[in-house]
PDB file of all heavy atoms in Angstrom:
ATOM      1  N   ILE A   1       0.811   3.481  -3.041  1.00  0.00           N
ATOM      2  CA  ILE A   1       1.222   4.882  -3.224  1.00  0.00           C
ATOM      3  C   ILE A   1       1.556   5.504  -1.874  1.00  0.00           C
ATOM      4  O   ILE A   1       2.592   6.138  -1.708  1.00  0.00           O
ATOM      5  CB  ILE A   1       0.109   5.704  -3.916  1.00  0.00           C
ATOM      6  CG1 ILE A   1       0.056   5.375  -5.397  1.00  0.00           C
ATOM      7  CG2 ILE A   1       0.304   7.188  -3.732  1.00  0.00           C
ATOM      8  CD1 ILE A   1       1.111   6.034  -6.234  1.00  0.00           C
ATOM      9  N   ASN A   2       0.666   5.354  -0.933  1.00  0.00           N
ATOM     10  CA  ASN A   2       0.881   5.919   0.401  1.00  0.00           C
ATOM     11  C   ASN A   2       1.442   4.851   1.332  1.00  0.00           C
ATOM     12  O   ASN A   2       0.930   3.739   1.400  1.00  0.00           O
ATOM     13  CB  ASN A   2      -0.434   6.460   0.975  1.00  0.00           C
ATOM     14  CG  ASN A   2      -0.992   7.568   0.112  1.00  0.00           C
ATOM     15  OD1 ASN A   2      -0.286   8.510  -0.218  1.00  0.00           O
ATOM     16  ND2 ASN A   2      -2.243   7.440  -0.282  1.00  0.00           N
ATOM     17  N   LYS A   3       2.495   5.203   2.044  1.00  0.00           N
ATOM     18  CA  LYS A   3       3.087   4.284   3.012  1.00  0.00           C
ATOM     19  C   LYS A   3       2.171   4.194   4.230  1.00  0.00           C
ATOM     20  O   LYS A   3       1.748   5.208   4.768  1.00  0.00           O
ATOM     21  CB  LYS A   3       4.466   4.771   3.441  1.00  0.00           C
ATOM     22  CG  LYS A   3       5.182   3.779   4.326  1.00  0.00           C
ATOM     23  CD  LYS A   3       6.535   4.161   4.883  1.00  0.00           C
ATOM     24  CE  LYS A   3       7.273   5.263   4.273  1.00  0.00           C
ATOM     25  NZ  LYS A   3       8.579   5.528   4.877  1.00  0.00           N
ATOM     26  N   THR A   4       1.874   2.963   4.629  1.00  0.00           N
ATOM     27  CA  THR A   4       1.055   2.722   5.816  1.00  0.00           C
ATOM     28  C   THR A   4       1.790   1.732   6.720  1.00  0.00           C
ATOM     29  O   THR A   4       2.781   1.127   6.315  1.00  0.00           O
ATOM     30  CB  THR A   4      -0.320   2.128   5.438  1.00  0.00           C
ATOM     31  OG1 THR A   4      -0.117   0.804   4.901  1.00  0.00           O
ATOM     32  CG2 THR A   4      -1.060   2.988   4.433  1.00  0.00           C
ATOM     33  N   THR A   5       1.280   1.542   7.915  1.00  0.00           N
ATOM     34  CA  THR A   5       1.892   0.561   8.809  1.00  0.00           C
ATOM     35  C   THR A   5       1.760  -0.849   8.228  1.00  0.00           C
ATOM     36  O   THR A   5       2.614  -1.689   8.468  1.00  0.00           O
ATOM     37  CB  THR A   5       1.257   0.612  10.213  1.00  0.00           C
ATOM     38  OG1 THR A   5      -0.151   0.459  10.100  1.00  0.00           O
ATOM     39  CG2 THR A   5       1.577   1.914  10.910  1.00  0.00           C
ATOM     40  N   ASN A   6       0.707  -1.087   7.445  1.00  0.00           N
ATOM     41  CA  ASN A   6       0.495  -2.412   6.856  1.00  0.00           C
ATOM     42  C   ASN A   6       1.413  -2.709   5.676  1.00  0.00           C
ATOM     43  O   ASN A   6       1.719  -3.866   5.409  1.00  0.00           O
ATOM     44  CB  ASN A   6      -0.962  -2.576   6.400  1.00  0.00           C
ATOM     45  CG  ASN A   6      -1.909  -2.630   7.565  1.00  0.00           C
ATOM     46  OD1 ASN A   6      -1.549  -3.032   8.658  1.00  0.00           O
ATOM     47  ND2 ASN A   6      -3.140  -2.215   7.336  1.00  0.00           N
ATOM     48  N   ASN A   7       1.833  -1.675   4.926  1.00  0.00           N
ATOM     49  CA  ASN A   7       2.602  -1.938   3.712  1.00  0.00           C
ATOM     50  C   ASN A   7       4.048  -1.439   3.752  1.00  0.00           C
ATOM     51  O   ASN A   7       4.797  -1.657   2.802  1.00  0.00           O
ATOM     52  CB  ASN A   7       1.894  -1.354   2.489  1.00  0.00           C
ATOM     53  CG  ASN A   7       1.953   0.157   2.403  1.00  0.00           C
ATOM     54  OD1 ASN A   7       2.768   0.826   3.026  1.00  0.00           O
ATOM     55  ND2 ASN A   7       1.067   0.718   1.600  1.00  0.00           N
ATOM     56  N   LYS A   8       4.453  -0.763   4.819  1.00  0.00           N
ATOM     57  CA  LYS A   8       5.753  -0.080   4.803  1.00  0.00           C
ATOM     58  C   LYS A   8       6.940  -1.010   4.582  1.00  0.00           C
ATOM     59  O   LYS A   8       7.870  -0.662   3.862  1.00  0.00           O
ATOM     60  CB  LYS A   8       5.951   0.785   6.047  1.00  0.00           C
ATOM     61  CG  LYS A   8       6.124   0.045   7.336  1.00  0.00           C
ATOM     62  CD  LYS A   8       6.315   1.004   8.498  1.00  0.00           C
ATOM     63  CE  LYS A   8       6.469   0.246   9.794  1.00  0.00           C
ATOM     64  NZ  LYS A   8       6.675   1.154  10.906  1.00  0.00           N
ATOM     65  N   VAL A   9       6.945  -2.192   5.147  1.00  0.00           N
ATOM     66  CA  VAL A   9       8.076  -3.109   4.990  1.00  0.00           C
ATOM     67  C   VAL A   9       8.150  -3.614   3.547  1.00  0.00           C
ATOM     68  O   VAL A   9       9.198  -3.548   2.903  1.00  0.00           O
ATOM     69  CB  VAL A   9       7.983  -4.287   5.987  1.00  0.00           C
ATOM     70  CG1 VAL A   9       9.032  -5.341   5.682  1.00  0.00           C
ATOM     71  CG2 VAL A   9       8.115  -3.783   7.413  1.00  0.00           C
ATOM     72  N   GLU A  10       7.031  -4.094   3.040  1.00  0.00           N
ATOM     73  CA  GLU A  10       6.994  -4.619   1.663  1.00  0.00           C
ATOM     74  C   GLU A  10       7.250  -3.503   0.649  1.00  0.00           C
ATOM     75  O   GLU A  10       7.970  -3.690  -0.331  1.00  0.00           O
ATOM     76  CB  GLU A  10       5.630  -5.271   1.404  1.00  0.00           C
ATOM     77  CG  GLU A  10       5.653  -6.332   0.371  1.00  0.00           C
ATOM     78  CD  GLU A  10       6.435  -7.581   0.782  1.00  0.00           C
ATOM     79  OE1 GLU A  10       6.819  -7.745   1.950  1.00  0.00           O
ATOM     80  OE2 GLU A  10       6.678  -8.402  -0.100  1.00  0.00           O
ATOM     81  N   ARG A  11       6.693  -2.338   0.900  1.00  0.00           N
ATOM     82  CA  ARG A  11       6.890  -1.174   0.027  1.00  0.00           C
ATOM     83  C   ARG A  11       8.367  -0.824  -0.070  1.00  0.00           C
ATOM     84  O   ARG A  11       8.890  -0.578  -1.150  1.00  0.00           O
ATOM     85  CB  ARG A  11       6.084   0.008   0.585  1.00  0.00           C
ATOM     86  CG  ARG A  11       6.033   1.228  -0.281  1.00  0.00           C
ATOM     87  CD  ARG A  11       5.178   2.298   0.428  1.00  0.00           C
ATOM     88  NE  ARG A  11       4.855   3.396  -0.429  1.00  0.00           N
ATOM     89  CZ  ARG A  11       5.645   4.443  -0.668  1.00  0.00           C
ATOM     90  NH1 ARG A  11       6.834   4.508  -0.104  1.00  0.00           N
ATOM     91  NH2 ARG A  11       5.271   5.405  -1.473  1.00  0.00           N
ATOM     92  N   GLU A  12       9.058  -0.837   1.043  1.00  0.00           N
ATOM     93  CA  GLU A  12      10.485  -0.509   1.070  1.00  0.00           C
ATOM     94  C   GLU A  12      11.306  -1.558   0.330  1.00  0.00           C
ATOM     95  O   GLU A  12      12.259  -1.221  -0.385  1.00  0.00           O
ATOM     96  CB  GLU A  12      10.971  -0.360   2.511  1.00  0.00           C
ATOM     97  CG  GLU A  12      12.309   0.293   2.636  1.00  0.00           C
ATOM     98  CD  GLU A  12      12.356   1.734   2.138  1.00  0.00           C
ATOM     99  OE1 GLU A  12      11.327   2.440   2.168  1.00  0.00           O
ATOM    100  OE2 GLU A  12      13.436   2.169   1.697  1.00  0.00           O
ATOM    101  N   LYS A  13      10.945  -2.827   0.464  1.00  0.00           N
ATOM    102  CA  LYS A  13      11.653  -3.893  -0.251  1.00  0.00           C
ATOM    103  C   LYS A  13      11.518  -3.714  -1.768  1.00  0.00           C
ATOM    104  O   LYS A  13      12.481  -3.913  -2.507  1.00  0.00           O
ATOM    105  CB  LYS A  13      11.126  -5.261   0.164  1.00  0.00           C
ATOM    106  CG  LYS A  13      11.535  -5.681   1.552  1.00  0.00           C
ATOM    107  CD  LYS A  13      10.933  -7.029   1.905  1.00  0.00           C
ATOM    108  CE  LYS A  13      11.269  -7.449   3.319  1.00  0.00           C
ATOM    109  NZ  LYS A  13      10.675  -8.756   3.658  1.00  0.00           N
ATOM    110  N   ILE A  14      10.326  -3.345  -2.209  1.00  0.00           N
ATOM    111  CA  ILE A  14      10.095  -3.130  -3.639  1.00  0.00           C
ATOM    112  C   ILE A  14      10.904  -1.934  -4.126  1.00  0.00           C
ATOM    113  O   ILE A  14      11.586  -2.003  -5.156  1.00  0.00           O
ATOM    114  CB  ILE A  14       8.582  -2.939  -3.912  1.00  0.00           C
ATOM    115  CG1 ILE A  14       7.825  -4.239  -3.618  1.00  0.00           C
ATOM    116  CG2 ILE A  14       8.354  -2.484  -5.352  1.00  0.00           C
ATOM    117  CD1 ILE A  14       6.321  -4.080  -3.542  1.00  0.00           C
ATOM    118  N   LEU A  15      10.853  -0.838  -3.382  1.00  0.00           N
ATOM    119  CA  LEU A  15      11.614   0.351  -3.772  1.00  0.00           C
ATOM    120  C   LEU A  15      13.120   0.090  -3.740  1.00  0.00           C
ATOM    121  O   LEU A  15      13.853   0.587  -4.606  1.00  0.00           O
ATOM    122  CB  LEU A  15      11.245   1.541  -2.884  1.00  0.00           C
ATOM    123  CG  LEU A  15       9.851   2.120  -3.131  1.00  0.00           C
ATOM    124  CD1 LEU A  15       9.497   3.128  -2.049  1.00  0.00           C
ATOM    125  CD2 LEU A  15       9.749   2.741  -4.507  1.00  0.00           C
ATOM    126  N   ASP A  16      13.592  -0.692  -2.788  1.00  0.00           N
ATOM    127  CA  ASP A  16      15.010  -1.041  -2.739  1.00  0.00           C
ATOM    128  C   ASP A  16      15.433  -1.800  -4.002  1.00  0.00           C
ATOM    129  O   ASP A  16      16.514  -1.559  -4.544  1.00  0.00           O
ATOM    130  CB  ASP A  16      15.335  -1.883  -1.504  1.00  0.00           C
ATOM    131  CG  ASP A  16      15.392  -1.069  -0.224  1.00  0.00           C
ATOM    132  OD1 ASP A  16      15.468   0.181  -0.297  1.00  0.00           O
ATOM    133  OD2 ASP A  16      15.356  -1.692   0.864  1.00  0.00           O
ATOM    134  N   ALA A  17      14.582  -2.718  -4.450  1.00  0.00           N
ATOM    135  CA  ALA A  17      14.894  -3.471  -5.676  1.00  0.00           C
ATOM    136  C   ALA A  17      14.981  -2.531  -6.884  1.00  0.00           C
ATOM    137  O   ALA A  17      15.866  -2.686  -7.732  1.00  0.00           O
ATOM    138  CB  ALA A  17      13.838  -4.545  -5.913  1.00  0.00           C
ATOM    139  N   ILE A  18      14.097  -1.534  -6.928  1.00  0.00           N
ATOM    140  CA  ILE A  18      14.120  -0.582  -8.048  1.00  0.00           C
ATOM    141  C   ILE A  18      15.335   0.342  -7.931  1.00  0.00           C
ATOM    142  O   ILE A  18      15.969   0.672  -8.939  1.00  0.00           O
ATOM    143  CB  ILE A  18      12.815   0.222  -8.105  1.00  0.00           C
ATOM    144  CG1 ILE A  18      11.649  -0.721  -8.362  1.00  0.00           C
ATOM    145  CG2 ILE A  18      12.882   1.273  -9.208  1.00  0.00           C
ATOM    146  CD1 ILE A  18      10.311  -0.074  -8.186  1.00  0.00           C
ATOM    147  N   ARG A  19      15.661   0.758  -6.732  1.00  0.00           N
ATOM    148  CA  ARG A  19      16.854   1.594  -6.537  1.00  0.00           C
ATOM    149  C   ARG A  19      18.109   0.874  -7.035  1.00  0.00           C
ATOM    150  O   ARG A  19      18.959   1.461  -7.711  1.00  0.00           O
ATOM    151  CB  ARG A  19      17.031   1.953  -5.061  1.00  0.00           C
ATOM    152  CG  ARG A  19      16.068   2.981  -4.560  1.00  0.00           C
ATOM    153  CD  ARG A  19      16.395   3.352  -3.096  1.00  0.00           C
ATOM    154  NE  ARG A  19      15.258   4.014  -2.519  1.00  0.00           N
ATOM    155  CZ  ARG A  19      14.386   3.463  -1.678  1.00  0.00           C
ATOM    156  NH1 ARG A  19      14.558   2.222  -1.260  1.00  0.00           N
ATOM    157  NH2 ARG A  19      13.368   4.147  -1.213  1.00  0.00           N
ATOM    158  N   LYS A  20      18.210  -0.389  -6.689  1.00  0.00           N
ATOM    159  CA  LYS A  20      19.360  -1.194  -7.111  1.00  0.00           C
ATOM    160  C   LYS A  20      19.416  -1.268  -8.640  1.00  0.00           C
ATOM    161  O   LYS A  20      20.490  -1.114  -9.226  1.00  0.00           O
ATOM    162  CB  LYS A  20      19.250  -2.588  -6.498  1.00  0.00           C
ATOM    163  CG  LYS A  20      20.402  -3.498  -6.788  1.00  0.00           C
ATOM    164  CD  LYS A  20      20.215  -4.830  -6.085  1.00  0.00           C
ATOM    165  CE  LYS A  20      21.328  -5.797  -6.432  1.00  0.00           C
ATOM    166  NZ  LYS A  20      21.122  -7.098  -5.791  1.00  0.00           N
ATOM    167  N   GLU A  21      18.282  -1.501  -9.264  1.00  0.00           N
ATOM    168  CA  GLU A  21      18.224  -1.577 -10.731  1.00  0.00           C
ATOM    169  C   GLU A  21      18.556  -0.225 -11.366  1.00  0.00           C
ATOM    170  O   GLU A  21      19.273  -0.159 -12.365  1.00  0.00           O
ATOM    171  CB  GLU A  21      16.844  -2.061 -11.197  1.00  0.00           C
ATOM    172  CG  GLU A  21      16.721  -2.247 -12.686  1.00  0.00           C
ATOM    173  CD  GLU A  21      17.592  -3.358 -13.254  1.00  0.00           C
ATOM    174  OE1 GLU A  21      17.980  -4.281 -12.508  1.00  0.00           O
ATOM    175  OE2 GLU A  21      17.880  -3.310 -14.469  1.00  0.00           O
ATOM    176  N   GLY A  22      18.046   0.853 -10.784  1.00  0.00           N
ATOM    177  CA  GLY A  22      18.338   2.193 -11.294  1.00  0.00           C
ATOM    178  C   GLY A  22      19.825   2.494 -11.242  1.00  0.00           C
ATOM    179  O   GLY A  22      20.395   3.044 -12.190  1.00  0.00           O
ATOM    180  N   LYS A  23      20.456   2.140 -10.143  1.00  0.00           N
ATOM    181  CA  LYS A  23      21.895   2.369 -10.003  1.00  0.00           C
ATOM    182  C   LYS A  23      22.674   1.519 -11.003  1.00  0.00           C
ATOM    183  O   LYS A  23      23.647   1.970 -11.607  1.00  0.00           O
ATOM    184  CB  LYS A  23      22.348   2.080  -8.580  1.00  0.00           C
ATOM    185  CG  LYS A  23      23.780   2.469  -8.329  1.00  0.00           C
ATOM    186  CD  LYS A  23      24.166   2.346  -6.873  1.00  0.00           C
ATOM    187  CE  LYS A  23      25.607   2.804  -6.679  1.00  0.00           C
ATOM    188  NZ  LYS A  23      26.011   2.707  -5.286  1.00  0.00           N
ATOM    189  N   LYS A  24      22.232   0.275 -11.189  1.00  0.00           N
ATOM    190  CA  LYS A  24      22.886  -0.630 -12.130  1.00  0.00           C
ATOM    191  C   LYS A  24      22.801  -0.079 -13.558  1.00  0.00           C
ATOM    192  O   LYS A  24      23.792  -0.085 -14.286  1.00  0.00           O
ATOM    193  CB  LYS A  24      22.217  -2.009 -12.059  1.00  0.00           C
ATOM    194  CG  LYS A  24      22.745  -3.037 -13.014  1.00  0.00           C
ATOM    195  CD  LYS A  24      22.003  -4.348 -12.808  1.00  0.00           C
ATOM    196  CE  LYS A  24      22.028  -5.214 -14.028  1.00  0.00           C
ATOM    197  NZ  LYS A  24      21.179  -6.395 -13.877  1.00  0.00           N
ATOM    198  N   GLN A  25      21.630   0.425 -13.939  1.00  0.00           N
ATOM    199  CA  GLN A  25      21.430   0.904 -15.309  1.00  0.00           C
ATOM    200  C   GLN A  25      22.040   2.277 -15.565  1.00  0.00           C
ATOM    201  O   GLN A  25      22.481   2.547 -16.672  1.00  0.00           O
ATOM    202  CB  GLN A  25      19.938   0.956 -15.652  1.00  0.00           C
ATOM    203  CG  GLN A  25      19.305  -0.382 -15.885  1.00  0.00           C
ATOM    204  CD  GLN A  25      17.889  -0.252 -16.420  1.00  0.00           C
ATOM    205  OE1 GLN A  25      17.507   0.726 -17.032  1.00  0.00           O
ATOM    206  NE2 GLN A  25      17.090  -1.282 -16.183  1.00  0.00           N
ATOM    207  N   THR A  26      22.049   3.148 -14.566  1.00  0.00           N
ATOM    208  CA  THR A  26      22.429   4.544 -14.819  1.00  0.00           C
ATOM    209  C   THR A  26      23.653   5.021 -14.041  1.00  0.00           C
ATOM    210  O   THR A  26      24.099   6.145 -14.247  1.00  0.00           O
ATOM    211  CB  THR A  26      21.261   5.484 -14.483  1.00  0.00           C
ATOM    212  OG1 THR A  26      21.035   5.458 -13.073  1.00  0.00           O
ATOM    213  CG2 THR A  26      19.994   5.112 -15.236  1.00  0.00           C
ATOM    214  N   LYS A  27      24.147   4.222 -13.108  1.00  0.00           N
ATOM    215  CA  LYS A  27      25.297   4.589 -12.261  1.00  0.00           C
ATOM    216  C   LYS A  27      25.001   5.810 -11.381  1.00  0.00           C
ATOM    217  O   LYS A  27      25.895   6.567 -11.029  1.00  0.00           O
ATOM    218  CB  LYS A  27      26.558   4.861 -13.105  1.00  0.00           C
ATOM    219  CG  LYS A  27      26.882   3.824 -14.142  1.00  0.00           C
ATOM    220  CD  LYS A  27      27.226   2.486 -13.534  1.00  0.00           C
ATOM    221  CE  LYS A  27      27.681   1.496 -14.582  1.00  0.00           C
ATOM    222  NZ  LYS A  27      26.712   0.563 -15.051  1.00  0.00           N
ATOM    223  N   GLN A  28      23.720   6.004 -11.030  1.00  0.00           N
ATOM    224  CA  GLN A  28      23.299   7.104 -10.160  1.00  0.00           C
ATOM    225  C   GLN A  28      22.370   6.537  -9.094  1.00  0.00           C
ATOM    226  O   GLN A  28      21.703   5.532  -9.316  1.00  0.00           O
ATOM    227  CB  GLN A  28      22.554   8.179 -10.960  1.00  0.00           C
ATOM    228  CG  GLN A  28      23.395   8.805 -12.060  1.00  0.00           C
ATOM    229  CD  GLN A  28      22.585   9.756 -12.909  1.00  0.00           C
ATOM    230  OE1 GLN A  28      22.260  10.845 -12.465  1.00  0.00           O
ATOM    231  NE2 GLN A  28      22.261   9.342 -14.126  1.00  0.00           N
ATOM    232  N   GLU A  29      22.320   7.198  -7.934  1.00  0.00           N
ATOM    233  CA  GLU A  29      21.408   6.774  -6.867  1.00  0.00           C
ATOM    234  C   GLU A  29      20.191   7.684  -6.880  1.00  0.00           C
ATOM    235  O   GLU A  29      20.325   8.910  -6.938  1.00  0.00           O
ATOM    236  CB  GLU A  29      22.116   6.815  -5.518  1.00  0.00           C
ATOM    237  CG  GLU A  29      23.194   5.765  -5.400  1.00  0.00           C
ATOM    238  CD  GLU A  29      23.784   5.683  -4.014  1.00  0.00           C
ATOM    239  OE1 GLU A  29      23.525   6.572  -3.183  1.00  0.00           O
ATOM    240  OE2 GLU A  29      24.505   4.703  -3.766  1.00  0.00           O
ATOM    241  N   PHE A  30      19.016   7.068  -6.801  1.00  0.00           N
ATOM    242  CA  PHE A  30      17.777   7.810  -6.950  1.00  0.00           C
ATOM    243  C   PHE A  30      16.863   7.726  -5.733  1.00  0.00           C
ATOM    244  O   PHE A  30      16.919   6.790  -4.948  1.00  0.00           O
ATOM    245  CB  PHE A  30      16.987   7.284  -8.151  1.00  0.00           C
ATOM    246  CG  PHE A  30      17.679   7.433  -9.462  1.00  0.00           C
ATOM    247  CD1 PHE A  30      17.882   6.344 -10.271  1.00  0.00           C
ATOM    248  CD2 PHE A  30      18.129   8.676  -9.894  1.00  0.00           C
ATOM    249  CE1 PHE A  30      18.508   6.473 -11.502  1.00  0.00           C
ATOM    250  CE2 PHE A  30      18.756   8.823 -11.120  1.00  0.00           C
ATOM    251  CZ  PHE A  30      18.945   7.718 -11.921  1.00  0.00           C
ATOM    252  N   ILE A  31      15.986   8.714  -5.677  1.00  0.00           N
ATOM    253  CA  ILE A  31      14.830   8.719  -4.789  1.00  0.00           C
ATOM    254  C   ILE A  31      13.625   8.665  -5.721  1.00  0.00           C
ATOM    255  O   ILE A  31      13.568   9.377  -6.719  1.00  0.00           O
ATOM    256  CB  ILE A  31      14.781  10.001  -3.936  1.00  0.00           C
ATOM    257  CG1 ILE A  31      15.980  10.027  -2.970  1.00  0.00           C
ATOM    258  CG2 ILE A  31      13.465  10.094  -3.167  1.00  0.00           C
ATOM    259  CD1 ILE A  31      16.109  11.330  -2.219  1.00  0.00           C
ATOM    260  N   PHE A  32      12.665   7.812  -5.383  1.00  0.00           N
ATOM    261  CA  PHE A  32      11.489   7.656  -6.225  1.00  0.00           C
ATOM    262  C   PHE A  32      10.262   8.248  -5.549  1.00  0.00           C
ATOM    263  O   PHE A  32      10.069   8.081  -4.350  1.00  0.00           O
ATOM    264  CB  PHE A  32      11.240   6.178  -6.517  1.00  0.00           C
ATOM    265  CG  PHE A  32      12.346   5.546  -7.298  1.00  0.00           C
ATOM    266  CD1 PHE A  32      13.275   4.733  -6.685  1.00  0.00           C
ATOM    267  CD2 PHE A  32      12.472   5.779  -8.652  1.00  0.00           C
ATOM    268  CE1 PHE A  32      14.302   4.145  -7.398  1.00  0.00           C
ATOM    269  CE2 PHE A  32      13.491   5.205  -9.388  1.00  0.00           C
ATOM    270  CZ  PHE A  32      14.411   4.387  -8.755  1.00  0.00           C
ATOM    271  N   LYS A  33       9.445   8.914  -6.349  1.00  0.00           N
ATOM    272  CA  LYS A  33       8.155   9.413  -5.896  1.00  0.00           C
ATOM    273  C   LYS A  33       7.093   8.806  -6.820  1.00  0.00           C
ATOM    274  O   LYS A  33       6.747   9.366  -7.854  1.00  0.00           O
ATOM    275  CB  LYS A  33       8.108  10.943  -5.953  1.00  0.00           C
ATOM    276  CG  LYS A  33       6.821  11.505  -5.418  1.00  0.00           C
ATOM    277  CD  LYS A  33       6.809  13.011  -5.481  1.00  0.00           C
ATOM    278  CE  LYS A  33       5.466  13.541  -5.016  1.00  0.00           C
ATOM    279  NZ  LYS A  33       5.339  14.970  -5.274  1.00  0.00           N
ATOM    280  N   PRO A  34       6.595   7.611  -6.452  1.00  0.00           N
ATOM    281  CA  PRO A  34       5.651   6.906  -7.330  1.00  0.00           C
ATOM    282  C   PRO A  34       4.324   7.641  -7.498  1.00  0.00           C
ATOM    283  O   PRO A  34       3.804   8.224  -6.542  1.00  0.00           O
ATOM    284  CB  PRO A  34       5.416   5.576  -6.618  1.00  0.00           C
ATOM    285  CG  PRO A  34       6.534   5.441  -5.649  1.00  0.00           C
ATOM    286  CD  PRO A  34       6.925   6.824  -5.268  1.00  0.00           C
ATOM    287  N   TYR A  35       3.798   7.605  -8.706  1.00  0.00           N
ATOM    288  CA  TYR A  35       2.446   8.093  -8.950  1.00  0.00           C
ATOM    289  C   TYR A  35       1.524   6.940  -9.347  1.00  0.00           C
ATOM    290  O   TYR A  35       0.324   7.120  -9.464  1.00  0.00           O
ATOM    291  CB  TYR A  35       2.396   9.236  -9.973  1.00  0.00           C
ATOM    292  CG  TYR A  35       3.142   9.013 -11.260  1.00  0.00           C
ATOM    293  CD1 TYR A  35       2.536   8.401 -12.342  1.00  0.00           C
ATOM    294  CD2 TYR A  35       4.452   9.441 -11.399  1.00  0.00           C
ATOM    295  CE1 TYR A  35       3.214   8.206 -13.526  1.00  0.00           C
ATOM    296  CE2 TYR A  35       5.143   9.259 -12.581  1.00  0.00           C
ATOM    297  CZ  TYR A  35       4.512   8.641 -13.645  1.00  0.00           C
ATOM    298  OH  TYR A  35       5.199   8.454 -14.824  1.00  0.00           O
ATOM    299  N   LYS A  36       2.078   5.758  -9.520  1.00  0.00           N
ATOM    300  CA  LYS A  36       1.318   4.511  -9.650  1.00  0.00           C
ATOM    301  C   LYS A  36       2.167   3.438  -8.983  1.00  0.00           C
ATOM    302  O   LYS A  36       3.351   3.293  -9.291  1.00  0.00           O
ATOM    303  CB  LYS A  36       1.068   4.166 -11.111  1.00  0.00           C
ATOM    304  CG  LYS A  36       0.169   2.960 -11.289  1.00  0.00           C
ATOM    305  CD  LYS A  36      -0.102   2.661 -12.746  1.00  0.00           C
ATOM    306  CE  LYS A  36      -1.064   3.680 -13.293  1.00  0.00           C
ATOM    307  NZ  LYS A  36      -1.524   3.346 -14.642  1.00  0.00           N
ATOM    308  N   PHE A  37       1.583   2.717  -8.030  1.00  0.00           N
ATOM    309  CA  PHE A  37       2.339   1.723  -7.268  1.00  0.00           C
ATOM    310  C   PHE A  37       1.357   0.621  -6.884  1.00  0.00           C
ATOM    311  O   PHE A  37       0.760   0.639  -5.815  1.00  0.00           O
ATOM    312  CB  PHE A  37       2.932   2.394  -6.034  1.00  0.00           C
ATOM    313  CG  PHE A  37       4.020   1.619  -5.328  1.00  0.00           C
ATOM    314  CD1 PHE A  37       5.027   2.300  -4.673  1.00  0.00           C
ATOM    315  CD2 PHE A  37       4.040   0.239  -5.286  1.00  0.00           C
ATOM    316  CE1 PHE A  37       6.043   1.629  -3.998  1.00  0.00           C
ATOM    317  CE2 PHE A  37       5.039  -0.450  -4.623  1.00  0.00           C
ATOM    318  CZ  PHE A  37       6.043   0.251  -3.977  1.00  0.00           C
TER     319      PHE A  37
END
């Protein structure tokens, strides 16, 4: 949920994969604010 120095790279890779999927499904670019991660 919270970005830290230990998880920031992996966290960004995961969010990038979801952004790509969101754009593919909806044709829109999103920003995500996770409440469970």
